[in-house]
Amino acid sequence: MEAIAEFNDNHGFNVKLTSEKIFIESAGNSETIALRGLNGVRLYDDLEKYNKELEEFKTATEPNKPAGAACATCGLMLVVSGLMLIEDAWWLMLPGGVFTYVGYGMFTGTIDTGKEEPILDSFFHINVSW
């Protein structure tokens, strides 16, 4: 039978629709459903979860300008103070450089927060009469 539509993922899940049947195969199971026995098919996208995660992602990655400016200014003051004290100034310049880098990242929003962009989860529901 010729496939009308087919879905494959990278984890061994395969769904194939033909003119008479739906073939569902996973890593350990295989199922065949005749179309004449279907009462309904429904697709559901979990938009509430996606919108909530998207809002959290946006707030985590947006720049924090006041805190970034304060941190970068403090770091620059430590670097300048370290340059003014010529002898053994590394102990001031090293944390000053770190503060400046972190403050600039906070100011521009380029620091990686570790949050991944959300993925929209979709569900496929099949109603079958036996």
C-alpha atoms as a PDB file:
ATOM      1  CA  MET A   1       0.000   0.000   0.000  1.00  0.00           C
ATOM      2  CA  GLU A   2       1.199   3.454  -0.844  1.00  0.00           C
ATOM      3  CA  ALA A   3       1.802   5.815   2.089  1.00  0.00           C
ATOM      4  CA  ILE A   4      -0.253   9.020   2.096  1.00  0.00           C
ATOM      5  CA  ALA A   5       1.658  10.519   5.020  1.00  0.00           C
ATOM      6  CA  GLU A   6       4.529   9.322   7.194  1.00  0.00           C
ATOM      7  CA  PHE A   7       6.230  10.577  10.354  1.00  0.00           C
ATOM      8  CA  ASN A   8       9.623   9.402  11.658  1.00  0.00           C
ATOM      9  CA  ASP A   9      11.626  10.660  14.603  1.00  0.00           C
ATOM     10  CA  ASN A  10      15.200   9.927  15.623  1.00  0.00           C
ATOM     11  CA  HIS A  11      14.196   7.587  18.461  1.00  0.00           C
ATOM     12  CA  GLY A  12      12.605   4.742  16.504  1.00  0.00           C
ATOM     13  CA  PHE A  13       9.003   6.006  16.380  1.00  0.00           C
ATOM     14  CA  ASN A  14       7.232   5.752  13.009  1.00  0.00           C
ATOM     15  CA  VAL A  15       3.616   6.462  11.980  1.00  0.00           C
ATOM     16  CA  LYS A  16       2.474   5.724   8.425  1.00  0.00           C
ATOM     17  CA  LEU A  17      -0.972   6.515   7.014  1.00  0.00           C
ATOM     18  CA  THR A  18      -2.236   4.587   3.988  1.00  0.00           C
ATOM     19  CA  SER A  19      -5.627   4.629   2.301  1.00  0.00           C
ATOM     20  CA  GLU A  20      -6.852   1.765   4.534  1.00  0.00           C
ATOM     21  CA  LYS A  21      -4.752   1.630   7.704  1.00  0.00           C
ATOM     22  CA  ILE A  22      -2.509   3.474  10.156  1.00  0.00           C
ATOM     23  CA  PHE A  23       0.756   1.703  11.010  1.00  0.00           C
ATOM     24  CA  ILE A  24       2.400   2.711  14.297  1.00  0.00           C
ATOM     25  CA  GLU A  25       5.839   1.342  15.151  1.00  0.00           C
ATOM     26  CA  SER A  26       8.013   2.107  18.162  1.00  0.00           C
ATOM     27  CA  ALA A  27      11.178   0.582  19.572  1.00  0.00           C
ATOM     28  CA  GLY A  28       9.467  -2.497  21.011  1.00  0.00           C
ATOM     29  CA  ASN A  29       5.904  -2.425  19.692  1.00  0.00           C
ATOM     30  CA  SER A  30       4.023  -2.412  16.434  1.00  0.00           C
ATOM     31  CA  GLU A  31       0.324  -1.588  15.962  1.00  0.00           C
ATOM     32  CA  THR A  32      -1.950  -1.531  12.923  1.00  0.00           C
ATOM     33  CA  ILE A  33      -5.309   0.272  13.023  1.00  0.00           C
ATOM     34  CA  ALA A  34      -7.932   0.000  10.280  1.00  0.00           C
ATOM     35  CA  LEU A  35      -9.409   3.367   9.290  1.00  0.00           C
ATOM     36  CA  ARG A  36     -12.943   1.944   9.221  1.00  0.00           C
ATOM     37  CA  GLY A  37     -12.658   1.361  13.000  1.00  0.00           C
ATOM     38  CA  LEU A  38     -11.770   4.948  13.884  1.00  0.00           C
ATOM     39  CA  ASN A  39     -14.220   7.183  15.692  1.00  0.00           C
ATOM     40  CA  GLY A  40     -11.981  10.221  15.651  1.00  0.00           C
ATOM     41  CA  VAL A  41      -8.502  11.629  15.489  1.00  0.00           C
ATOM     42  CA  ARG A  42      -7.379  14.679  17.425  1.00  0.00           C
ATOM     43  CA  LEU A  43      -4.200  16.747  17.513  1.00  0.00           C
ATOM     44  CA  TYR A  44      -3.499  18.763  20.642  1.00  0.00           C
ATOM     45  CA  ASP A  45      -0.797  21.417  21.040  1.00  0.00           C
ATOM     46  CA  ASP A  46       0.049  22.286  24.647  1.00  0.00           C
ATOM     47  CA  LEU A  47       0.050  26.060  24.132  1.00  0.00           C
ATOM     48  CA  GLU A  48      -0.328  26.947  27.835  1.00  0.00           C
ATOM     49  CA  LYS A  49       2.902  25.144  28.766  1.00  0.00           C
ATOM     50  CA  TYR A  50       4.710  26.555  25.726  1.00  0.00           C
ATOM     51  CA  ASN A  51       3.641  30.165  26.432  1.00  0.00           C
ATOM     52  CA  LYS A  52       4.642  29.846  30.103  1.00  0.00           C
ATOM     53  CA  GLU A  53       8.089  28.454  29.211  1.00  0.00           C
ATOM     54  CA  LEU A  54       8.527  31.099  26.487  1.00  0.00           C
ATOM     55  CA  GLU A  55       7.799  33.893  28.967  1.00  0.00           C
ATOM     56  CA  GLU A  56      10.309  32.422  31.456  1.00  0.00           C
ATOM     57  CA  PHE A  57      12.897  32.144  28.670  1.00  0.00           C
ATOM     58  CA  LYS A  58      12.388  35.765  27.608  1.00  0.00           C
ATOM     59  CA  THR A  59      12.698  37.113  31.164  1.00  0.00           C
ATOM     60  CA  ALA A  60      15.826  35.008  31.784  1.00  0.00           C
ATOM     61  CA  THR A  61      17.586  36.266  28.659  1.00  0.00           C
ATOM     62  CA  GLU A  62      16.598  39.944  28.694  1.00  0.00           C
ATOM     63  CA  PRO A  63      19.321  42.414  29.687  1.00  0.00           C
ATOM     64  CA  ASN A  64      19.510  43.804  33.210  1.00  0.00           C
ATOM     65  CA  LYS A  65      20.828  47.271  32.462  1.00  0.00           C
ATOM     66  CA  PRO A  66      21.005  48.832  35.985  1.00  0.00           C
ATOM     67  CA  ALA A  67      22.759  45.866  37.597  1.00  0.00           C
ATOM     68  CA  GLY A  68      25.029  45.403  34.586  1.00  0.00           C
ATOM     69  CA  ALA A  69      26.053  49.050  34.564  1.00  0.00           C
ATOM     70  CA  ALA A  70      26.766  48.973  38.302  1.00  0.00           C
ATOM     71  CA  CYS A  71      28.816  45.779  38.053  1.00  0.00           C
ATOM     72  CA  ALA A  72      30.809  47.002  35.030  1.00  0.00           C
ATOM     73  CA  THR A  73      31.479  50.368  36.711  1.00  0.00           C
ATOM     74  CA  CYS A  74      32.712  48.640  39.854  1.00  0.00           C
ATOM     75  CA  GLY A  75      34.961  46.407  37.760  1.00  0.00           C
ATOM     76  CA  LEU A  76      36.399  49.329  35.835  1.00  0.00           C
ATOM     77  CA  MET A  77      37.101  51.152  39.106  1.00  0.00           C
ATOM     78  CA  LEU A  78      39.021  48.100  40.369  1.00  0.00           C
ATOM     79  CA  VAL A  79      41.041  47.894  37.131  1.00  0.00           C
ATOM     80  CA  VAL A  80      41.880  51.611  37.253  1.00  0.00           C
ATOM     81  CA  SER A  81      42.829  51.317  40.936  1.00  0.00           C
ATOM     82  CA  GLY A  82      45.039  48.351  40.083  1.00  0.00           C
ATOM     83  CA  LEU A  83      46.739  50.303  37.310  1.00  0.00           C
ATOM     84  CA  MET A  84      47.379  53.184  39.680  1.00  0.00           C
ATOM     85  CA  LEU A  85      49.052  50.834  42.177  1.00  0.00           C
ATOM     86  CA  ILE A  86      51.863  49.658  39.930  1.00  0.00           C
ATOM     87  CA  GLU A  87      53.331  47.127  42.365  1.00  0.00           C
ATOM     88  CA  ASP A  88      51.363  43.855  42.893  1.00  0.00           C
ATOM     89  CA  ALA A  89      48.232  45.192  41.230  1.00  0.00           C
ATOM     90  CA  TRP A  90      47.052  41.827  39.804  1.00  0.00           C
ATOM     91  CA  TRP A  91      44.924  41.166  42.901  1.00  0.00           C
ATOM     92  CA  LEU A  92      42.809  44.217  42.000  1.00  0.00           C
ATOM     93  CA  MET A  93      42.898  43.915  38.239  1.00  0.00           C
ATOM     94  CA  LEU A  94      41.856  40.244  38.025  1.00  0.00           C
ATOM     95  CA  PRO A  95      38.525  40.614  39.895  1.00  0.00           C
ATOM     96  CA  GLY A  96      38.051  43.983  38.198  1.00  0.00           C
ATOM     97  CA  GLY A  97      38.295  42.345  34.780  1.00  0.00           C
ATOM     98  CA  VAL A  98      35.824  39.643  35.812  1.00  0.00           C
ATOM     99  CA  PHE A  99      33.369  42.223  37.173  1.00  0.00           C
ATOM    100  CA  THR A 100      33.679  44.273  33.990  1.00  0.00           C
ATOM    101  CA  TYR A 101      33.057  41.234  31.771  1.00  0.00           C
ATOM    102  CA  VAL A 102      30.041  40.053  33.788  1.00  0.00           C
ATOM    103  CA  GLY A 103      28.622  43.570  34.023  1.00  0.00           C
ATOM    104  CA  TYR A 104      28.916  44.085  30.277  1.00  0.00           C
ATOM    105  CA  GLY A 105      27.217  40.728  29.682  1.00  0.00           C
ATOM    106  CA  MET A 106      24.385  41.648  32.039  1.00  0.00           C
ATOM    107  CA  PHE A 107      24.026  45.068  30.427  1.00  0.00           C
ATOM    108  CA  THR A 108      23.778  43.695  26.882  1.00  0.00           C
ATOM    109  CA  GLY A 109      22.020  40.402  27.725  1.00  0.00           C
ATOM    110  CA  THR A 110      24.725  38.253  26.129  1.00  0.00           C
ATOM    111  CA  ILE A 111      25.458  36.086  29.176  1.00  0.00           C
ATOM    112  CA  ASP A 112      24.163  32.532  28.688  1.00  0.00           C
ATOM    113  CA  THR A 113      21.617  31.698  31.397  1.00  0.00           C
ATOM    114  CA  GLY A 114      21.568  27.992  30.560  1.00  0.00           C
ATOM    115  CA  LYS A 115      17.882  28.072  29.645  1.00  0.00           C
ATOM    116  CA  GLU A 116      16.937  26.446  26.371  1.00  0.00           C
ATOM    117  CA  GLU A 117      14.327  27.839  24.040  1.00  0.00           C
ATOM    118  CA  PRO A 118      11.014  26.061  24.693  1.00  0.00           C
ATOM    119  CA  ILE A 119       9.612  23.378  22.400  1.00  0.00           C
ATOM    120  CA  LEU A 120       5.927  23.121  21.531  1.00  0.00           C
ATOM    121  CA  ASP A 121       4.645  19.701  22.610  1.00  0.00           C
ATOM    122  CA  SER A 122       1.989  18.146  20.366  1.00  0.00           C
ATOM    123  CA  PHE A 123      -0.136  15.099  21.116  1.00  0.00           C
ATOM    124  CA  PHE A 124      -1.921  12.738  18.712  1.00  0.00           C
ATOM    125  CA  HIS A 125      -5.102  11.092  20.054  1.00  0.00           C
ATOM    126  CA  ILE A 126      -6.860   8.238  18.231  1.00  0.00           C
ATOM    127  CA  ASN A 127     -10.387   7.122  19.207  1.00  0.00           C
ATOM    128  CA  VAL A 128     -10.958   3.509  18.153  1.00  0.00           C
ATOM    129  CA  SER A 129     -14.161   1.465  18.393  1.00  0.00           C
ATOM    130  CA  TRP A 130     -13.670  -2.249  19.114  1.00  0.00           C
END
